[in-house]
PDB file of N, CA and C in Angstrom:
ATOM      1  N   MET A   1      53.507 -41.015 -54.342  1.00  0.00           N
ATOM      2  CA  MET A   1      54.383 -41.815 -54.599  1.00  0.00           C
ATOM      3  C   MET A   1      54.484 -42.994 -53.107  1.00  0.00           C
ATOM      4  N   LYS A   2      54.814 -42.060 -52.121  1.00  0.00           N
ATOM      5  CA  LYS A   2      55.232 -42.729 -50.963  1.00  0.00           C
ATOM      6  C   LYS A   2      54.057 -42.746 -50.130  1.00  0.00           C
ATOM      7  N   ASN A   3      52.782 -42.665 -49.871  1.00  0.00           N
ATOM      8  CA  ASN A   3      51.182 -42.564 -49.645  1.00  0.00           C
ATOM      9  C   ASN A   3      51.305 -43.849 -50.115  1.00  0.00           C
ATOM     10  N   ASN A   4      51.236 -43.681 -51.456  1.00  0.00           N
ATOM     11  CA  ASN A   4      50.769 -45.209 -52.231  1.00  0.00           C
ATOM     12  C   ASN A   4      51.136 -46.883 -51.900  1.00  0.00           C
ATOM     13  N   VAL A   5      52.762 -46.605 -51.675  1.00  0.00           N
ATOM     14  CA  VAL A   5      53.338 -47.167 -51.107  1.00  0.00           C
ATOM     15  C   VAL A   5      52.850 -48.130 -49.269  1.00  0.00           C
ATOM     16  N   ILE A   6      52.997 -46.690 -49.022  1.00  0.00           N
ATOM     17  CA  ILE A   6      52.567 -46.700 -47.123  1.00  0.00           C
ATOM     18  C   ILE A   6      51.821 -47.857 -47.452  1.00  0.00           C
ATOM     19  N   LYS A   7      49.907 -47.197 -48.198  1.00  0.00           N
ATOM     20  CA  LYS A   7      48.942 -47.970 -48.437  1.00  0.00           C
ATOM     21  C   LYS A   7      48.736 -49.120 -48.841  1.00  0.00           C
ATOM     22  N   ARG A   8      50.221 -49.547 -49.797  1.00  0.00           N
ATOM     23  CA  ARG A   8      49.600 -51.046 -50.238  1.00  0.00           C
ATOM     24  C   ARG A   8      50.021 -51.710 -49.085  1.00  0.00           C
ATOM     25  N   VAL A   9      51.305 -51.303 -48.478  1.00  0.00           N
ATOM     26  CA  VAL A   9      52.151 -52.559 -47.834  1.00  0.00           C
ATOM     27  C   VAL A   9      50.585 -52.485 -46.433  1.00  0.00           C
ATOM     28  N   VAL A  10      50.392 -51.067 -45.788  1.00  0.00           N
ATOM     29  CA  VAL A  10      49.488 -52.137 -44.883  1.00  0.00           C
ATOM     30  C   VAL A  10      48.088 -52.501 -45.430  1.00  0.00           C
ATOM     31  N   ALA A  11      47.742 -52.411 -46.851  1.00  0.00           N
ATOM     32  CA  ALA A  11      46.789 -53.323 -46.821  1.00  0.00           C
ATOM     33  C   ALA A  11      47.234 -54.510 -47.505  1.00  0.00           C
ATOM     34  N   GLU A  12      48.485 -54.564 -47.693  1.00  0.00           N
ATOM     35  CA  GLU A  12      48.960 -56.693 -48.188  1.00  0.00           C
ATOM     36  C   GLU A  12      49.603 -56.975 -46.830  1.00  0.00           C
ATOM     37  N   MET A  13      49.259 -55.968 -45.536  1.00  0.00           N
ATOM     38  CA  MET A  13      49.584 -57.053 -44.523  1.00  0.00           C
ATOM     39  C   MET A  13      48.338 -57.469 -43.988  1.00  0.00           C
ATOM     40  N   ARG A  14      47.145 -56.374 -44.237  1.00  0.00           N
ATOM     41  CA  ARG A  14      45.952 -56.643 -43.966  1.00  0.00           C
ATOM     42  C   ARG A  14      45.055 -58.043 -44.279  1.00  0.00           C
ATOM     43  N   SER A  15      45.389 -57.967 -45.253  1.00  0.00           N
ATOM     44  CA  SER A  15      45.143 -58.981 -46.433  1.00  0.00           C
ATOM     45  C   SER A  15      45.901 -60.590 -46.049  1.00  0.00           C
ATOM     46  N   TYR A  16      46.866 -60.335 -45.513  1.00  0.00           N
ATOM     47  CA  TYR A  16      47.794 -61.317 -44.523  1.00  0.00           C
ATOM     48  C   TYR A  16      46.598 -62.187 -43.802  1.00  0.00           C
ATOM     49  N   ARG A  17      46.672 -60.745 -42.476  1.00  0.00           N
ATOM     50  CA  ARG A  17      46.630 -61.151 -41.427  1.00  0.00           C
ATOM     51  C   ARG A  17      44.585 -62.266 -41.464  1.00  0.00           C
ATOM     52  N   GLU A  18      44.613 -60.882 -43.083  1.00  0.00           N
ATOM     53  CA  GLU A  18      43.061 -61.870 -42.424  1.00  0.00           C
ATOM     54  C   GLU A  18      42.890 -63.631 -43.422  1.00  0.00           C
ATOM     55  N   LYS A  19      43.877 -63.603 -43.925  1.00  0.00           N
ATOM     56  CA  LYS A  19      43.746 -64.714 -44.872  1.00  0.00           C
ATOM     57  C   LYS A  19      44.086 -66.192 -43.546  1.00  0.00           C
ATOM     58  N   LEU A  20      45.279 -65.577 -42.342  1.00  0.00           N
ATOM     59  CA  LEU A  20      45.373 -66.695 -41.556  1.00  0.00           C
ATOM     60  C   LEU A  20      44.329 -66.873 -40.218  1.00  0.00           C
ATOM     61  N   VAL A  21      44.046 -65.797 -40.306  1.00  0.00           N
ATOM     62  CA  VAL A  21      43.079 -65.953 -39.373  1.00  0.00           C
ATOM     63  C   VAL A  21      41.039 -66.693 -39.643  1.00  0.00           C
ATOM     64  N   THR A  22      40.758 -66.249 -41.238  1.00  0.00           N
ATOM     65  CA  THR A  22      39.969 -67.002 -41.685  1.00  0.00           C
ATOM     66  C   THR A  22      40.148 -68.929 -42.460  1.00  0.00           C
ATOM     67  N   GLY A  23      41.353 -68.958 -42.752  1.00  0.00           N
ATOM     68  CA  GLY A  23      41.296 -69.884 -43.381  1.00  0.00           C
ATOM     69  C   GLY A  23      41.751 -71.269 -42.236  1.00  0.00           C
ATOM     70  N   ASP A  24      42.155 -72.573 -43.455  1.00  0.00           N
ATOM     71  CA  ASP A  24      42.183 -73.214 -42.300  1.00  0.00           C
ATOM     72  C   ASP A  24      43.025 -73.653 -41.545  1.00  0.00           C
ATOM     73  N   TYR A  25      43.679 -72.650 -40.868  1.00  0.00           N
ATOM     74  CA  TYR A  25      45.309 -72.932 -40.235  1.00  0.00           C
ATOM     75  C   TYR A  25      44.884 -74.180 -38.841  1.00  0.00           C
ATOM     76  N   THR A  26      46.026 -74.808 -38.764  1.00  0.00           N
ATOM     77  CA  THR A  26      46.082 -75.359 -37.156  1.00  0.00           C
ATOM     78  C   THR A  26      46.594 -74.599 -36.194  1.00  0.00           C
ATOM     79  N   ALA A  27      46.559 -74.622 -35.017  1.00  0.00           N
ATOM     80  CA  ALA A  27      47.743 -74.034 -34.797  1.00  0.00           C
ATOM     81  C   ALA A  27      49.059 -73.915 -34.651  1.00  0.00           C
ATOM     82  N   LEU A  28      49.778 -75.236 -34.883  1.00  0.00           N
ATOM     83  CA  LEU A  28      50.523 -75.343 -35.069  1.00  0.00           C
ATOM     84  C   LEU A  28      51.507 -74.843 -36.332  1.00  0.00           C
ATOM     85  N   GLN A  29      50.071 -74.808 -37.457  1.00  0.00           N
ATOM     86  CA  GLN A  29      50.827 -73.940 -38.502  1.00  0.00           C
ATOM     87  C   GLN A  29      50.525 -72.780 -38.755  1.00  0.00           C
ATOM     88  N   LEU A  30      50.083 -71.934 -37.673  1.00  0.00           N
ATOM     89  CA  LEU A  30      50.260 -70.583 -37.050  1.00  0.00           C
ATOM     90  C   LEU A  30      51.076 -70.570 -36.200  1.00  0.00           C
ATOM     91  N   PHE A  31      51.785 -71.272 -35.679  1.00  0.00           N
ATOM     92  CA  PHE A  31      52.829 -70.825 -34.534  1.00  0.00           C
ATOM     93  C   PHE A  31      53.799 -70.911 -36.103  1.00  0.00           C
ATOM     94  N   GLY A  32      53.545 -71.593 -37.232  1.00  0.00           N
ATOM     95  CA  GLY A  32      55.001 -72.034 -38.274  1.00  0.00           C
ATOM     96  C   GLY A  32      55.119 -70.214 -38.642  1.00  0.00           C
ATOM     97  N   GLU A  33      53.840 -69.725 -38.691  1.00  0.00           N
ATOM     98  CA  GLU A  33      54.002 -67.840 -39.044  1.00  0.00           C
ATOM     99  C   GLU A  33      54.397 -66.613 -38.800  1.00  0.00           C
ATOM    100  N   ALA A  34      54.276 -67.141 -37.016  1.00  0.00           N
ATOM    101  CA  ALA A  34      54.651 -66.476 -36.077  1.00  0.00           C
ATOM    102  C   ALA A  34      56.068 -65.313 -36.680  1.00  0.00           C
ATOM    103  N   TYR A  35      56.875 -65.797 -36.922  1.00  0.00           N
ATOM    104  CA  TYR A  35      58.158 -65.259 -37.541  1.00  0.00           C
ATOM    105  C   TYR A  35      57.642 -64.392 -38.515  1.00  0.00           C
ATOM    106  N   GLN A  36      56.925 -64.860 -39.255  1.00  0.00           N
ATOM    107  CA  GLN A  36      56.661 -64.243 -40.609  1.00  0.00           C
ATOM    108  C   GLN A  36      55.658 -62.818 -40.163  1.00  0.00           C
ATOM    109  N   ILE A  37      54.781 -63.257 -39.457  1.00  0.00           N
ATOM    110  CA  ILE A  37      53.636 -62.258 -38.799  1.00  0.00           C
ATOM    111  C   ILE A  37      54.785 -61.033 -38.403  1.00  0.00           C
ATOM    112  N   VAL A  38      55.646 -61.143 -37.144  1.00  0.00           N
ATOM    113  CA  VAL A  38      56.485 -60.087 -36.715  1.00  0.00           C
ATOM    114  C   VAL A  38      57.122 -59.454 -37.589  1.00  0.00           C
ATOM    115  N   THR A  39      58.092 -60.319 -38.875  1.00  0.00           N
ATOM    116  CA  THR A  39      58.669 -59.613 -39.529  1.00  0.00           C
ATOM    117  C   THR A  39      57.844 -58.723 -40.345  1.00  0.00           C
ATOM    118  N   LYS A  40      56.959 -58.858 -40.841  1.00  0.00           N
ATOM    119  CA  LYS A  40      56.400 -58.385 -41.629  1.00  0.00           C
ATOM    120  C   LYS A  40      54.998 -56.933 -40.907  1.00  0.00           C
ATOM    121  N   GLN A  41      55.216 -57.156 -39.552  1.00  0.00           N
ATOM    122  CA  GLN A  41      54.550 -55.682 -39.538  1.00  0.00           C
ATOM    123  C   GLN A  41      55.789 -54.881 -38.619  1.00  0.00           C
ATOM    124  N   GLU A  42      56.843 -55.453 -38.437  1.00  0.00           N
ATOM    125  CA  GLU A  42      57.964 -54.779 -38.401  1.00  0.00           C
ATOM    126  C   GLU A  42      58.495 -53.697 -39.952  1.00  0.00           C
ATOM    127  N   ILE A  43      57.816 -54.766 -40.636  1.00  0.00           N
ATOM    128  CA  ILE A  43      58.439 -53.749 -42.299  1.00  0.00           C
ATOM    129  C   ILE A  43      57.171 -52.909 -41.875  1.00  0.00           C
ATOM    130  N   VAL A  44      55.875 -53.229 -41.930  1.00  0.00           N
ATOM    131  CA  VAL A  44      55.446 -52.240 -42.044  1.00  0.00           C
ATOM    132  C   VAL A  44      55.390 -50.924 -41.485  1.00  0.00           C
ATOM    133  N   ASP A  45      55.880 -50.854 -39.977  1.00  0.00           N
ATOM    134  CA  ASP A  45      55.800 -49.802 -39.115  1.00  0.00           C
ATOM    135  C   ASP A  45      57.080 -49.245 -39.675  1.00  0.00           C
ATOM    136  N   ALA A  46      58.175 -50.189 -40.095  1.00  0.00           N
ATOM    137  CA  ALA A  46      59.148 -49.091 -40.785  1.00  0.00           C
ATOM    138  C   ALA A  46      58.989 -48.037 -42.447  1.00  0.00           C
ATOM    139  N   ILE A  47      58.626 -49.144 -42.820  1.00  0.00           N
ATOM    140  CA  ILE A  47      57.902 -48.041 -43.807  1.00  0.00           C
ATOM    141  C   ILE A  47      56.747 -46.941 -43.228  1.00  0.00           C
ATOM    142  N   GLU A  48      55.921 -46.872 -42.439  1.00  0.00           N
ATOM    143  CA  GLU A  48      55.157 -46.043 -42.419  1.00  0.00           C
ATOM    144  C   GLU A  48      55.903 -44.867 -41.641  1.00  0.00           C
ATOM    145  N   ARG A  49      57.314 -45.295 -41.111  1.00  0.00           N
ATOM    146  CA  ARG A  49      57.975 -44.434 -40.300  1.00  0.00           C
ATOM    147  C   ARG A  49      58.540 -43.767 -41.064  1.00  0.00           C
ATOM    148  N   LEU A  50      59.991 -44.656 -41.796  1.00  0.00           N
ATOM    149  CA  LEU A  50      60.420 -44.028 -42.952  1.00  0.00           C
ATOM    150  C   LEU A  50      59.146 -42.258 -43.655  1.00  0.00           C
ATOM    151  N   GLY A  51      57.787 -42.821 -44.201  1.00  0.00           N
ATOM    152  CA  GLY A  51      57.410 -42.108 -44.651  1.00  0.00           C
ATOM    153  C   GLY A  51      57.176 -40.761 -43.525  1.00  0.00           C
ATOM    154  N   GLU A  52      56.926 -40.898 -42.490  1.00  0.00           N
ATOM    155  CA  GLU A  52      56.840 -40.168 -41.771  1.00  0.00           C
ATOM    156  C   GLU A  52      57.955 -38.997 -41.740  1.00  0.00           C
ATOM    157  N   GLU A  53      58.854 -39.886 -41.714  1.00  0.00           N
ATOM    158  CA  GLU A  53      59.920 -38.623 -40.866  1.00  0.00           C
ATOM    159  C   GLU A  53      61.037 -38.570 -42.467  1.00  0.00           C
ATOM    160  N   ASN A  54      60.606 -38.471 -43.346  1.00  0.00           N
ATOM    161  CA  ASN A  54      60.922 -38.822 -44.704  1.00  0.00           C
ATOM    162  C   ASN A  54      62.671 -38.929 -45.276  1.00  0.00           C
ATOM    163  N   LYS A  55      62.633 -39.651 -44.547  1.00  0.00           N
ATOM    164  CA  LYS A  55      63.994 -40.167 -44.663  1.00  0.00           C
ATOM    165  C   LYS A  55      64.651 -41.653 -45.714  1.00  0.00           C
ATOM    166  N   PHE A  56      63.750 -41.900 -47.016  1.00  0.00           N
ATOM    167  CA  PHE A  56      63.685 -42.479 -47.717  1.00  0.00           C
ATOM    168  C   PHE A  56      63.775 -41.644 -48.946  1.00  0.00           C
ATOM    169  N   PRO A  57      64.471 -41.439 -49.733  1.00  0.00           N
ATOM    170  CA  PRO A  57      64.407 -40.858 -51.137  1.00  0.00           C
ATOM    171  C   PRO A  57      63.522 -40.944 -51.942  1.00  0.00           C
ATOM    172  N   GLU A  58      62.692 -40.321 -52.924  1.00  0.00           N
ATOM    173  CA  GLU A  58      61.810 -40.563 -53.402  1.00  0.00           C
ATOM    174  C   GLU A  58      61.933 -41.318 -54.809  1.00  0.00           C
ATOM    175  N   TYR A  59      63.207 -41.908 -55.024  1.00  0.00           N
ATOM    176  CA  TYR A  59      63.393 -42.896 -56.489  1.00  0.00           C
ATOM    177  C   TYR A  59      63.116 -44.265 -55.130  1.00  0.00           C
ATOM    178  N   LEU A  60      63.371 -44.159 -54.373  1.00  0.00           N
ATOM    179  CA  LEU A  60      63.244 -45.768 -53.838  1.00  0.00           C
ATOM    180  C   LEU A  60      61.931 -45.911 -53.400  1.00  0.00           C
ATOM    181  N   TRP A  61      61.005 -44.751 -53.621  1.00  0.00           N
ATOM    182  CA  TRP A  61      59.172 -45.076 -53.101  1.00  0.00           C
ATOM    183  C   TRP A  61      58.555 -45.678 -54.309  1.00  0.00           C
ATOM    184  N   LYS A  62      60.060 -44.683 -55.371  1.00  0.00           N
ATOM    185  CA  LYS A  62      59.521 -45.247 -56.890  1.00  0.00           C
ATOM    186  C   LYS A  62      59.578 -46.834 -56.992  1.00  0.00           C
ATOM    187  N   TRP A  63      60.655 -47.159 -56.585  1.00  0.00           N
ATOM    188  CA  TRP A  63      61.275 -48.453 -57.025  1.00  0.00           C
ATOM    189  C   TRP A  63      59.933 -49.362 -56.347  1.00  0.00           C
ATOM    190  N   LEU A  64      60.056 -49.114 -54.941  1.00  0.00           N
ATOM    191  CA  LEU A  64      58.668 -50.032 -54.274  1.00  0.00           C
ATOM    192  C   LEU A  64      57.392 -50.237 -54.954  1.00  0.00           C
ATOM    193  N   ASP A  65      57.059 -49.148 -55.471  1.00  0.00           N
ATOM    194  CA  ASP A  65      55.998 -48.583 -55.821  1.00  0.00           C
ATOM    195  C   ASP A  65      56.044 -49.841 -57.588  1.00  0.00           C
ATOM    196  N   SER A  66      57.023 -50.138 -57.969  1.00  0.00           N
ATOM    197  CA  SER A  66      57.010 -50.894 -59.227  1.00  0.00           C
ATOM    198  C   SER A  66      56.497 -52.310 -58.646  1.00  0.00           C
ATOM    199  N   LYS A  67      57.284 -52.663 -57.903  1.00  0.00           N
ATOM    200  CA  LYS A  67      56.945 -53.543 -56.966  1.00  0.00           C
ATOM    201  C   LYS A  67      55.542 -54.504 -56.999  1.00  0.00           C
ATOM    202  N   ASP A  68      54.997 -55.900 -57.541  1.00  0.00           N
ATOM    203  CA  ASP A  68      53.620 -56.217 -57.688  1.00  0.00           C
ATOM    204  C   ASP A  68      53.132 -56.160 -56.574  1.00  0.00           C
ATOM    205  N   GLU A  69      54.272 -56.622 -54.995  1.00  0.00           N
ATOM    206  CA  GLU A  69      53.495 -56.867 -53.584  1.00  0.00           C
ATOM    207  C   GLU A  69      54.592 -56.948 -52.724  1.00  0.00           C
ATOM    208  N   VAL A  70      54.606 -55.311 -52.452  1.00  0.00           N
ATOM    209  CA  VAL A  70      55.347 -54.611 -51.918  1.00  0.00           C
ATOM    210  C   VAL A  70      55.851 -55.309 -50.177  1.00  0.00           C
ATOM    211  N   LEU A  71      54.828 -55.604 -49.664  1.00  0.00           N
ATOM    212  CA  LEU A  71      55.271 -56.625 -47.957  1.00  0.00           C
ATOM    213  C   LEU A  71      56.189 -57.612 -48.787  1.00  0.00           C
ATOM    214  N   GLU A  72      55.434 -58.062 -49.619  1.00  0.00           N
ATOM    215  CA  GLU A  72      56.598 -59.822 -49.743  1.00  0.00           C
ATOM    216  C   GLU A  72      57.930 -59.123 -50.495  1.00  0.00           C
ATOM    217  N   TYR A  73      57.434 -58.368 -51.376  1.00  0.00           N
ATOM    218  CA  TYR A  73      59.165 -57.939 -51.578  1.00  0.00           C
ATOM    219  C   TYR A  73      60.270 -57.478 -50.294  1.00  0.00           C
ATOM    220  N   LEU A  74      59.761 -56.804 -50.160  1.00  0.00           N
ATOM    221  CA  LEU A  74      60.419 -56.232 -48.295  1.00  0.00           C
ATOM    222  C   LEU A  74      60.952 -57.387 -47.111  1.00  0.00           C
ATOM    223  N   TYR A  75      59.912 -58.334 -47.655  1.00  0.00           N
ATOM    224  CA  TYR A  75      60.102 -59.653 -46.526  1.00  0.00           C
ATOM    225  C   TYR A  75      60.933 -60.450 -46.897  1.00  0.00           C
ATOM    226  N   GLN A  76      60.965 -60.446 -48.268  1.00  0.00           N
ATOM    227  CA  GLN A  76      62.365 -61.355 -48.790  1.00  0.00           C
ATOM    228  C   GLN A  76      63.645 -60.878 -49.098  1.00  0.00           C
ATOM    229  N   LEU A  77      63.427 -59.623 -49.044  1.00  0.00           N
ATOM    230  CA  LEU A  77      65.057 -58.810 -49.269  1.00  0.00           C
ATOM    231  C   LEU A  77      65.578 -58.972 -47.566  1.00  0.00           C
ATOM    232  N   MET A  78      64.468 -59.211 -46.697  1.00  0.00           N
ATOM    233  CA  MET A  78      64.816 -59.216 -44.859  1.00  0.00           C
ATOM    234  C   MET A  78      65.345 -60.336 -44.678  1.00  0.00           C
ATOM    235  N   ILE A  79      64.644 -61.619 -45.485  1.00  0.00           N
ATOM    236  CA  ILE A  79      64.748 -63.283 -44.824  1.00  0.00           C
ATOM    237  C   ILE A  79      66.313 -63.596 -45.389  1.00  0.00           C
ATOM    238  N   HIS A  80      66.451 -62.719 -46.579  1.00  0.00           N
ATOM    239  CA  HIS A  80      67.607 -63.328 -47.006  1.00  0.00           C
ATOM    240  C   HIS A  80      68.836 -62.487 -47.245  1.00  0.00           C
ATOM    241  N   SER A  81      68.744 -62.028 -45.927  1.00  0.00           N
ATOM    242  CA  SER A  81      69.729 -60.859 -45.973  1.00  0.00           C
ATOM    243  C   SER A  81      70.930 -61.496 -44.751  1.00  0.00           C
ATOM    244  N   ASP A  82      71.902 -60.928 -44.744  1.00  0.00           N
ATOM    245  CA  ASP A  82      72.484 -61.538 -43.683  1.00  0.00           C
ATOM    246  C   ASP A  82      72.740 -60.517 -42.705  1.00  0.00           C
ATOM    247  N   HIS A  83      72.174 -59.275 -42.243  1.00  0.00           N
ATOM    248  CA  HIS A  83      72.315 -59.037 -40.935  1.00  0.00           C
ATOM    249  C   HIS A  83      71.139 -59.167 -39.997  1.00  0.00           C
ATOM    250  N   SER A  84      71.963 -59.113 -39.146  1.00  0.00           N
ATOM    251  CA  SER A  84      70.954 -59.613 -37.967  1.00  0.00           C
ATOM    252  C   SER A  84      70.711 -58.808 -36.598  1.00  0.00           C
ATOM    253  N   PHE A  85      69.226 -58.488 -36.011  1.00  0.00           N
ATOM    254  CA  PHE A  85      69.402 -57.116 -35.123  1.00  0.00           C
ATOM    255  C   PHE A  85      69.346 -57.835 -33.931  1.00  0.00           C
ATOM    256  N   SER A  86      70.290 -58.556 -33.962  1.00  0.00           N
ATOM    257  CA  SER A  86      70.745 -59.118 -32.762  1.00  0.00           C
ATOM    258  C   SER A  86      71.586 -58.096 -31.613  1.00  0.00           C
ATOM    259  N   ASP A  87      72.594 -58.058 -32.338  1.00  0.00           N
ATOM    260  CA  ASP A  87      73.147 -56.913 -31.602  1.00  0.00           C
ATOM    261  C   ASP A  87      72.284 -55.375 -30.736  1.00  0.00           C
ATOM    262  N   GLU A  88      71.915 -54.767 -32.272  1.00  0.00           N
ATOM    263  CA  GLU A  88      70.437 -53.489 -31.584  1.00  0.00           C
ATOM    264  C   GLU A  88      69.699 -54.396 -30.627  1.00  0.00           C
ATOM    265  N   PHE A  89      69.071 -55.204 -30.735  1.00  0.00           N
ATOM    266  CA  PHE A  89      68.818 -56.090 -29.187  1.00  0.00           C
ATOM    267  C   PHE A  89      69.371 -56.012 -27.828  1.00  0.00           C
ATOM    268  N   MET A  90      70.338 -56.560 -28.186  1.00  0.00           N
ATOM    269  CA  MET A  90      71.172 -57.213 -26.703  1.00  0.00           C
ATOM    270  C   MET A  90      71.470 -55.862 -26.432  1.00  0.00           C
ATOM    271  N   GLU A  91      71.668 -54.667 -26.716  1.00  0.00           N
ATOM    272  CA  GLU A  91      71.735 -53.195 -26.485  1.00  0.00           C
ATOM    273  C   GLU A  91      70.856 -52.934 -26.085  1.00  0.00           C
ATOM    274  N   GLN A  92      69.490 -52.885 -26.874  1.00  0.00           N
ATOM    275  CA  GLN A  92      68.121 -52.253 -26.045  1.00  0.00           C
ATOM    276  C   GLN A  92      68.113 -53.551 -24.834  1.00  0.00           C
ATOM    277  N   LEU A  93      67.871 -54.106 -24.815  1.00  0.00           N
ATOM    278  CA  LEU A  93      67.452 -55.416 -23.617  1.00  0.00           C
ATOM    279  C   LEU A  93      68.345 -54.893 -22.857  1.00  0.00           C
ATOM    280  N   GLN A  94      69.516 -54.751 -22.612  1.00  0.00           N
ATOM    281  CA  GLN A  94      70.596 -54.394 -21.459  1.00  0.00           C
ATOM    282  C   GLN A  94      70.119 -52.807 -21.174  1.00  0.00           C
ATOM    283  N   ILE A  95      69.418 -51.969 -21.723  1.00  0.00           N
ATOM    284  CA  ILE A  95      69.870 -50.558 -21.368  1.00  0.00           C
ATOM    285  C   ILE A  95      68.019 -50.661 -20.986  1.00  0.00           C
ATOM    286  N   GLU A  96      66.883 -51.789 -21.240  1.00  0.00           N
ATOM    287  CA  GLU A  96      65.641 -51.804 -20.237  1.00  0.00           C
ATOM    288  C   GLU A  96      66.249 -52.560 -18.983  1.00  0.00           C
ATOM    289  N   VAL A  97      66.709 -53.393 -18.635  1.00  0.00           N
ATOM    290  CA  VAL A  97      67.167 -54.369 -17.686  1.00  0.00           C
ATOM    291  C   VAL A  97      67.509 -52.940 -16.971  1.00  0.00           C
ATOM    292  N   GLU A  98      68.703 -52.483 -17.329  1.00  0.00           N
ATOM    293  CA  GLU A  98      69.277 -51.652 -16.555  1.00  0.00           C
ATOM    294  C   GLU A  98      68.491 -50.180 -15.750  1.00  0.00           C
ATOM    295  N   TYR A  99      67.612 -49.885 -16.331  1.00  0.00           N
ATOM    296  CA  TYR A  99      66.504 -48.759 -16.051  1.00  0.00           C
ATOM    297  C   TYR A  99      65.842 -49.659 -15.220  1.00  0.00           C
ATOM    298  N   ASP A 100      65.212 -50.654 -15.500  1.00  0.00           N
ATOM    299  CA  ASP A 100      64.482 -51.230 -14.387  1.00  0.00           C
ATOM    300  C   ASP A 100      64.419 -51.708 -13.039  1.00  0.00           C
ATOM    301  N   ARG A 101      65.734 -51.939 -13.542  1.00  0.00           N
ATOM    302  CA  ARG A 101      66.643 -52.158 -12.179  1.00  0.00           C
ATOM    303  C   ARG A 101      66.769 -51.005 -10.784  1.00  0.00           C
ATOM    304  N   GLU A 102      67.133 -50.008 -11.792  1.00  0.00           N
ATOM    305  CA  GLU A 102      67.474 -48.560 -11.376  1.00  0.00           C
ATOM    306  C   GLU A 102      66.296 -47.419 -10.675  1.00  0.00           C
ATOM    307  N   VAL A 103      65.013 -48.431 -11.218  1.00  0.00           N
ATOM    308  CA  VAL A 103      63.886 -47.848 -10.505  1.00  0.00           C
ATOM    309  C   VAL A 103      63.167 -48.825  -9.611  1.00  0.00           C
ATOM    310  N   HIS A 104      63.366 -49.854  -9.609  1.00  0.00           N
ATOM    311  CA  HIS A 104      63.072 -50.940  -8.454  1.00  0.00           C
ATOM    312  C   HIS A 104      63.892 -51.064  -7.757  1.00  0.00           C
ATOM    313  N   ASP A 105      65.459 -50.335  -7.791  1.00  0.00           N
ATOM    314  CA  ASP A 105      66.702 -50.570  -6.452  1.00  0.00           C
ATOM    315  C   ASP A 105      65.955 -48.872  -5.798  1.00  0.00           C
ATOM    316  N   ASN A 106      65.311 -48.228  -6.214  1.00  0.00           N
ATOM    317  CA  ASN A 106      65.287 -46.749  -5.842  1.00  0.00           C
ATOM    318  C   ASN A 106      63.583 -46.962  -4.780  1.00  0.00           C
ATOM    319  N   GLU A 107      63.253 -48.096  -4.911  1.00  0.00           N
ATOM    320  CA  GLU A 107      61.654 -48.311  -4.423  1.00  0.00           C
ATOM    321  C   GLU A 107      61.699 -48.708  -2.730  1.00  0.00           C
TER     322      GLU A 107
END
């Protein structure tokens, strides 16, 4: 079940990208798709990692496998979620800047 979901999500992302590349999109339209592109790729990465680390129970893999378009289903869940990643992003940004400062202060 898990491998099937992962394969489907990867295939759906590939298909979405091909549609964008081969379609008659203007640069402005592609720019408008940027958030969706990044978010969907993050979902693909997260699903692959959940599979690798066995952090998703079998019943959830089964639930996802029952969806017609798994990636689109997950994308819709995420964009309608009240959660924001800005706290985690800010924390990671601070860690990276502090690390970079330490490295370059010692040069």
